[in-house]
Protein backbone atom coordinates (compact mmCIF):
# COMPACT_ATOMS: atom_id res chain seq x y z
CA MET A 1 95.00 6.31 16.99
CA SER A 2 94.94 9.97 17.89
CA THR A 3 98.32 11.58 18.46
CA ASN A 4 97.20 14.12 21.08
CA GLN A 5 98.56 12.14 23.99
CA THR A 6 100.83 12.84 26.92
CA PRO A 7 104.32 11.40 26.22
CA VAL A 8 105.54 8.79 28.66
CA LEU A 9 108.82 9.68 30.31
CA VAL A 10 111.36 7.51 32.07
CA LEU A 11 112.70 9.34 35.11
CA ALA A 12 115.86 8.29 36.98
CA TRP A 13 115.82 8.90 40.71
CA LEU A 14 119.51 8.90 41.64
CA LEU A 15 120.57 8.02 45.14
CA ALA A 16 124.01 9.43 46.01
CA ALA A 17 126.45 7.92 48.52
CA CYS A 18 126.59 9.51 51.97
CA GLY A 19 130.29 8.86 52.30
CA SER A 20 133.06 6.35 51.63
CA GLU A 21 134.60 3.74 53.89
CA THR A 22 137.61 1.64 52.94
CA GLY A 23 139.72 -0.93 54.72
CA PRO A 24 143.25 -0.13 55.91
CA GLY A 25 146.36 -0.74 53.84
CA SER A 26 146.58 -1.66 50.24
CA GLY A 27 143.96 -3.75 48.46
CA PRO A 28 140.28 -3.93 49.24
CA GLY A 29 140.79 -4.54 52.96
CA PRO A 30 138.03 -5.86 55.26
CA GLN A 31 134.39 -5.05 54.81
CA PRO A 32 133.34 -2.00 56.85
CA SER A 33 131.72 -2.94 60.13
CA GLY A 34 128.91 -0.43 60.07
CA PRO A 35 126.19 0.42 57.57
CA THR A 36 127.33 2.04 54.34
CA ALA A 37 125.62 4.19 51.79
CA LEU A 38 124.09 2.26 48.93
CA LEU A 39 123.89 4.02 45.59
CA VAL A 40 120.45 3.12 44.21
CA ASN A 41 118.88 4.31 40.97
CA LEU A 42 115.17 4.33 41.69
CA LYS A 43 113.76 4.42 38.18
CA ASN A 44 110.27 5.46 37.20
CA VAL A 45 109.36 3.16 34.29
CA ASN A 46 106.01 4.31 32.97
CA VAL A 47 104.33 4.52 36.35
CA ILE A 48 100.80 5.81 36.64
CA PRO A 49 101.00 9.61 37.09
CA GLY A 50 100.91 10.63 40.74
CA THR A 51 102.70 7.52 42.02
CA SER A 52 105.06 7.83 44.98
CA VAL A 53 107.41 5.31 46.58
CA GLU A 54 107.97 4.67 50.27
CA LEU A 55 111.18 3.07 51.55
CA LEU A 56 110.61 0.71 54.47
CA THR A 57 112.62 -1.54 56.78
CA ALA A 58 112.02 -5.29 56.86
CA ALA A 59 109.57 -4.67 59.71
CA GLY A 60 107.63 -2.15 57.64
CA ALA A 61 108.81 0.99 59.45
CA PRO A 62 109.82 4.06 57.43
CA LYS A 63 113.43 3.82 56.26
CA ALA A 64 115.50 6.96 56.67
CA TYR A 65 117.28 8.53 53.71
CA ARG A 66 119.01 11.79 52.86
CA ILE A 67 118.29 14.16 50.00
CA ALA A 68 121.43 15.69 48.42
CA GLY A 69 123.28 16.78 51.51
CA GLY A 70 120.14 17.56 53.49
CA SER A 71 118.95 16.20 56.80
CA GLU A 72 117.87 12.61 57.31
CA THR A 73 114.20 12.18 56.52
CA THR A 74 111.49 9.62 55.76
CA GLY A 75 108.31 9.65 53.73
CA PRO A 76 107.22 9.23 50.13
CA ILE A 77 109.40 9.99 47.11
CA ALA A 78 107.26 11.37 44.27
CA LEU A 79 107.43 9.73 40.84
CA ALA A 80 105.34 12.28 38.96
CA LEU A 81 105.61 12.43 35.18
CA GLY A 82 107.82 15.36 34.32
CA GLY A 83 109.17 15.68 37.86
CA ALA A 84 112.77 16.61 38.58
CA ASP A 85 115.37 14.04 39.61
CA ALA A 86 116.01 13.61 43.34
CA GLN A 87 119.34 12.65 44.90
CA VAL A 88 118.79 10.35 47.86
CA SER A 89 121.16 8.14 49.88
CA VAL A 90 120.28 5.16 52.08
CA LEU A 91 122.49 3.52 54.74
CA MET A 92 122.24 -0.29 54.69
CA ASP A 93 124.08 -3.22 56.31
CA ALA A 94 125.00 -6.39 54.49
CA ASN A 95 121.96 -8.68 54.20
CA GLU A 96 119.67 -5.85 55.24
CA GLU A 97 116.31 -5.81 53.52
CA LEU A 98 114.89 -2.69 51.89
CA ARG A 99 111.19 -2.74 51.12
CA ILE A 100 109.86 -0.53 48.31
CA LEU A 101 106.16 0.33 48.38
CA PRO A 102 104.57 2.22 45.44
CA LYS A 103 101.39 4.16 46.19
CA ARG A 104 98.93 6.48 44.52
CA GLY A 105 96.89 8.34 47.08
CA SER A 106 95.72 5.73 49.60
CA THR A 107 96.03 2.85 47.11
CA GLU A 108 99.09 0.66 47.54
CA GLY A 109 100.81 -1.34 44.84
CA THR A 110 102.97 -4.42 45.35
CA THR A 111 105.72 -4.22 47.97
CA LYS A 112 109.09 -5.52 46.79
CA SER A 113 111.82 -6.61 49.20
CA CYS A 114 115.40 -6.02 48.03
CA ARG A 115 118.09 -7.65 50.22
CA ARG A 116 121.55 -6.12 50.09
CA LYS A 117 124.30 -8.62 49.31
CA GLY A 118 127.45 -6.74 50.40
CA ARG A 119 128.55 -3.69 52.35
CA THR A 120 130.88 -2.13 49.81
CA ALA A 121 130.94 1.61 50.31
CA GLY A 122 129.48 3.47 47.36
CA ALA A 123 128.13 0.31 45.70
CA SER A 124 125.31 0.83 43.23
CA ALA A 125 122.06 -0.92 42.42
CA GLU A 126 118.75 -0.18 40.73
CA VAL A 127 115.08 -0.49 41.55
CA HIS A 128 112.59 -0.27 38.70
CA VAL A 129 109.07 0.88 39.56
CA ALA A 130 106.55 0.26 36.80
CA GLU A 131 102.81 0.87 36.52
CA LEU A 132 102.36 1.18 40.32
CA THR A 133 102.00 -2.63 40.55
CA GLU A 134 105.51 -3.81 39.66
CA VAL A 135 108.77 -3.25 41.54
CA ARG A 136 111.96 -5.07 40.52
CA CYS A 137 115.44 -5.11 42.07
CA VAL A 138 118.21 -4.93 39.49
CA GLY A 139 121.97 -5.23 39.98
CA ALA A 140 124.74 -7.23 41.61
CA GLU A 141 124.32 -5.57 45.02
CA TRP A 142 120.98 -7.33 45.55
CA ASP A 143 120.69 -10.98 46.50
CA ALA A 144 118.89 -12.87 43.72
CA ALA A 145 118.70 -9.66 41.73
CA GLU A 146 115.90 -9.73 39.16
CA GLN A 147 116.57 -8.39 35.72
CA PRO A 148 113.38 -6.80 34.36
CA PRO A 149 111.77 -9.13 31.80
CA ALA A 150 110.72 -8.05 28.35
CA SER A 151 107.75 -5.94 29.35
CA ASP A 152 104.52 -5.55 27.45
CA CYS A 153 104.14 -2.02 28.75
CA LEU A 154 107.46 -0.26 28.17
CA THR A 155 105.88 2.00 25.53
CA PRO A 156 102.29 2.44 26.63
CA VAL A 157 99.81 4.90 25.18
CA VAL A 158 98.85 7.42 27.85
CA LEU A 159 95.77 9.63 27.74
CA PHE A 160 95.81 12.33 30.39
CA ASP A 161 93.92 15.51 31.25
CA ASN A 162 94.47 17.73 34.29
CA PHE A 163 91.91 20.26 33.00
CA THR A 164 94.25 23.23 33.04
CA THR A 165 93.59 24.30 29.45
CA GLY A 166 90.58 24.15 27.18
CA SER A 167 88.02 21.37 26.98
CA GLN A 168 88.55 18.06 25.22
CA TRP A 169 85.28 16.46 26.28
CA THR A 170 81.69 15.83 25.33
CA ALA A 171 78.96 15.30 27.94
CA THR A 172 75.75 13.47 27.07
CA MET A 173 72.96 13.23 29.67
CA THR A 174 70.31 10.52 29.79
CA ILE A 175 67.26 10.96 32.03
CA THR A 176 66.51 7.52 33.41
CA THR A 177 63.58 8.43 35.69
CA GLY A 178 61.17 11.36 35.88
CA SER A 179 61.87 14.66 34.12
CA GLY A 180 63.82 17.88 34.47
CA PRO A 181 67.36 16.91 35.59
CA THR A 182 70.14 19.11 34.23
CA ASN A 183 73.93 18.85 34.05
CA THR A 184 76.33 21.78 33.79
CA VAL A 185 80.10 21.54 33.23
CA THR A 186 82.89 24.12 33.58
CA ASN A 187 86.68 23.98 33.67
CA ASN A 188 88.01 25.85 36.70
CA GLY A 189 91.58 27.14 36.65
CA SER A 190 92.19 26.55 40.36
CA GLY A 191 90.95 24.38 43.20
CA GLY A 192 92.07 21.10 41.63
CA ASN A 193 94.57 18.52 42.81
CA PRO A 194 96.48 20.70 42.08
CA GLY A 195 95.75 23.42 39.53
CA GLY A 196 92.64 23.25 37.40
CA TYR A 197 89.82 20.72 37.49
CA ARG A 198 86.51 19.92 35.75
CA HIS A 199 83.46 21.03 37.76
CA MET A 200 80.06 19.41 37.26
CA THR A 201 76.69 20.20 38.82
CA HIS A 202 73.71 17.85 38.75
CA SER A 203 70.31 19.41 39.42
CA ILE A 204 67.82 16.60 40.08
CA PRO A 205 64.11 17.26 40.73
CA ALA A 206 62.16 14.97 43.04
CA SER A 207 61.55 11.44 41.79
CA SER A 208 64.14 11.80 39.04
CA ALA A 209 67.39 10.12 38.04
CA MET A 210 70.12 10.92 35.53
CA VAL A 211 73.27 9.46 33.95
CA VAL A 212 75.95 11.57 32.19
CA ASN A 213 78.57 10.06 29.87
CA HIS A 214 81.73 12.18 29.58
CA ILE A 215 83.87 11.17 26.57
CA TYR A 216 87.44 12.36 26.00
CA THR A 217 87.98 13.81 22.51
CA GLY A 218 91.74 14.34 22.78
CA GLY A 219 92.65 10.77 21.82
CA ASN A 220 91.44 7.20 21.37
CA TYR A 221 92.88 3.78 20.58
CA ASN A 222 92.28 1.44 17.64
CA PRO A 223 93.47 -2.14 18.36
CA SER A 224 93.15 -3.15 14.70
CA ALA A 225 95.60 -0.39 13.71
CA SER A 226 97.89 -0.09 16.74
CA GLY A 227 97.89 -3.60 18.18
CA ALA A 228 95.94 -5.66 20.68
CA ILE A 229 95.56 -4.30 24.21
CA ARG A 230 97.07 -6.59 26.82
CA ARG A 231 95.76 -4.59 29.76
CA MET A 232 95.04 -1.02 30.79
CA HIS A 233 95.05 1.09 33.94
CA TYR A 234 92.71 3.93 34.87
CA SER A 235 92.85 6.59 37.56
CA GLU A 236 91.09 9.80 38.50
CA ASP A 237 90.85 12.24 41.41
CA ARG A 238 87.35 13.27 42.54
CA LEU A 239 85.41 15.04 45.27
CA LEU A 240 81.91 16.22 46.20
CA PHE A 241 81.49 19.91 47.04
CA ASN A 242 78.14 20.21 48.76
CA PRO A 243 76.91 17.33 50.89
CA PRO A 244 74.56 16.35 52.52
CA ASN A 245 72.84 16.11 49.14
CA GLY A 246 74.02 12.51 48.82
CA ALA A 247 76.68 10.66 46.86
CA VAL A 248 77.44 10.84 43.14
CA GLY A 249 77.70 7.62 41.16
CA ALA A 250 81.01 7.15 39.34
CA ARG A 251 82.24 4.67 36.73
CA PHE A 252 85.13 4.33 34.29
CA LEU A 253 83.54 4.29 30.82
CA ILE A 254 84.79 3.13 27.44
CA THR A 255 82.88 2.82 24.18
CA GLN A 256 83.46 0.68 21.11
CA GLY A 257 81.05 0.98 18.21
CA THR A 258 77.60 1.33 19.77
CA GLY A 259 78.62 -0.52 22.94
CA GLN A 260 79.24 1.02 26.34
CA PHE A 261 81.40 -0.74 28.92
CA ARG A 262 81.74 0.35 32.56
CA ILE A 263 83.53 -0.35 35.83
CA PRO A 264 82.27 1.11 39.16
CA LEU A 265 84.89 3.23 40.88
CA ALA A 266 85.12 1.63 44.33
CA LEU A 267 83.19 2.42 47.53
CA ASN A 268 79.62 1.57 46.47
CA PRO A 269 80.06 -1.71 44.58
CA ALA A 270 77.09 -1.02 42.32
CA ASN A 271 77.85 2.47 41.04
CA GLY A 272 81.09 3.63 42.66
CA GLY A 273 79.22 6.32 44.58
CA PHE A 274 81.41 8.87 46.37
CA SER A 275 80.74 11.62 48.92
CA ASN A 276 84.26 12.63 50.00
CA THR A 277 84.78 16.38 50.40
CA THR A 278 88.56 16.32 49.90
CA TRP A 279 90.33 15.08 46.79
CA GLU A 280 90.45 11.29 46.61
CA SER A 281 92.59 9.30 44.14
CA ILE A 282 91.00 6.17 42.64
CA PRO A 283 93.11 3.83 40.45
CA LEU A 284 91.85 0.72 38.62
CA LEU A 285 94.75 -1.57 37.71
CA ARG A 286 95.38 -4.36 35.17
CA LEU A 287 92.06 -4.11 33.42
CA THR A 288 91.06 -6.70 30.81
CA PRO A 289 87.76 -7.19 28.96
CA ALA A 290 86.56 -9.33 31.89
CA SER A 291 86.89 -6.27 34.16
CA PHE A 292 84.07 -4.44 32.35
CA SER A 293 80.32 -4.82 32.32
CA PRO A 294 79.37 -6.18 29.90
CA ALA A 295 82.58 -8.16 29.31
CA THR A 296 82.30 -8.09 25.53
CA VAL A 297 84.63 -5.24 24.61
CA ASN A 298 87.19 -6.41 22.02
CA PHE A 299 90.82 -5.70 22.97
CA SER A 300 92.19 -7.98 20.24
CA SER A 301 93.82 -6.92 16.96
CA THR A 302 90.41 -7.23 15.28
CA GLY A 303 88.78 -4.75 17.66
CA GLY A 304 87.41 -1.40 16.59
CA VAL A 305 88.19 2.11 17.85
CA ILE A 306 87.87 2.51 21.62
CA ASN A 307 86.97 5.86 23.15
CA PHE A 308 87.56 6.61 26.81
CA GLY A 309 85.82 8.67 29.44
CA TYR A 310 83.95 8.47 32.72
CA GLN A 311 80.34 8.33 33.87
CA ARG A 312 78.48 10.18 36.61
CA SER A 313 74.95 9.53 37.88
CA ASN A 314 72.48 10.81 40.47
CA THR A 315 69.05 9.92 41.84
CA ASN A 316 66.64 12.04 43.89
CA SER A 317 64.07 9.67 45.38
CA SER A 318 62.39 12.43 47.38
CA VAL A 319 58.77 13.30 46.60
CA SER A 320 59.52 17.04 46.76
CA GLY A 321 62.41 19.42 46.30
CA THR A 322 65.38 19.57 43.93
CA ALA A 323 68.83 18.30 44.87
CA ALA A 324 71.94 20.02 43.48
CA ASN A 325 75.20 18.11 43.64
CA GLY A 326 78.42 19.91 42.70
CA HIS A 327 81.43 17.65 42.17
CA GLY A 328 84.84 17.66 40.50
CA ILE A 329 87.31 15.47 38.63
CA ASP A 330 91.04 15.95 38.07
CA ASN A 331 94.08 14.06 36.74
CA TRP A 332 92.03 11.76 34.50
CA THR A 333 94.45 9.09 33.23
CA VAL A 334 94.31 6.01 30.99
CA VAL A 335 97.43 3.86 30.46
CA ILE A 336 97.11 1.40 27.56
CA CYS A 337 99.59 -1.51 27.49
CA HIS A 338 99.72 -2.96 23.98
């Protein structure tokens, strides 16, 4: 297994108490009658890069919170790898339900409801957000609090490229119909989501079609040396620069030996074609061999080296003229749970 991989960080998102309420006299006194600030550690446990979390009421409305002495606000809390901690406080009544929704772009993970048990001022609890798809409530302040089980993805292998420096890729074009298509690739230092991105241009003469396999050279994974793969996640950001020249086909691509294995990236079920002109985030979650076509890739401990990348394709069915499609990719990410 290559060692040129982005380290996986565990970030703690600390929620500080808004204030303190205590009963009169000595001893604990009565429970406060109004909502109190709940101290919650919202922990990023190996989430897919670019994940955010939204706090919601039981009815699904945005739940207000405060950031370190600031004004009350709502909206997503970013869980980006390498991001700084955020101090946030939430006011909750006893038995009030807090819903936690992880998202990446427009894709939502699994919503978890955490019901507060008491109203002790300054009480603390934890919420663990893992892999975009898992949210768990941890601690005595939650009713039926769930301790996180022994996870099979606490130390994943993460391959990541935001295309800000150099090039760690090969690009191999296959002409599937006609003759004359070309593919050009450059790394641009700005215009990405954010920062740099990888720019590609397909030039396709009439009655021609092309497929380009882009393979990452900065790392791979060998199940026979590093352990069987239980599942993996994939995500990328992409856009098309110059419609109306049509959509660009898009697939997640892995190779093992001489085999190629693909998954269309949403929208067009056949080829994942996209034509959006603003950056769009596409995650594929909990992938197993059955997710790929063909479904014969070997994730077991006897499997060979797996290389990772993505595929782009274009067709010009016109009888005249050449179509030129410029498009980009950013934040290419593979998370391997082993």
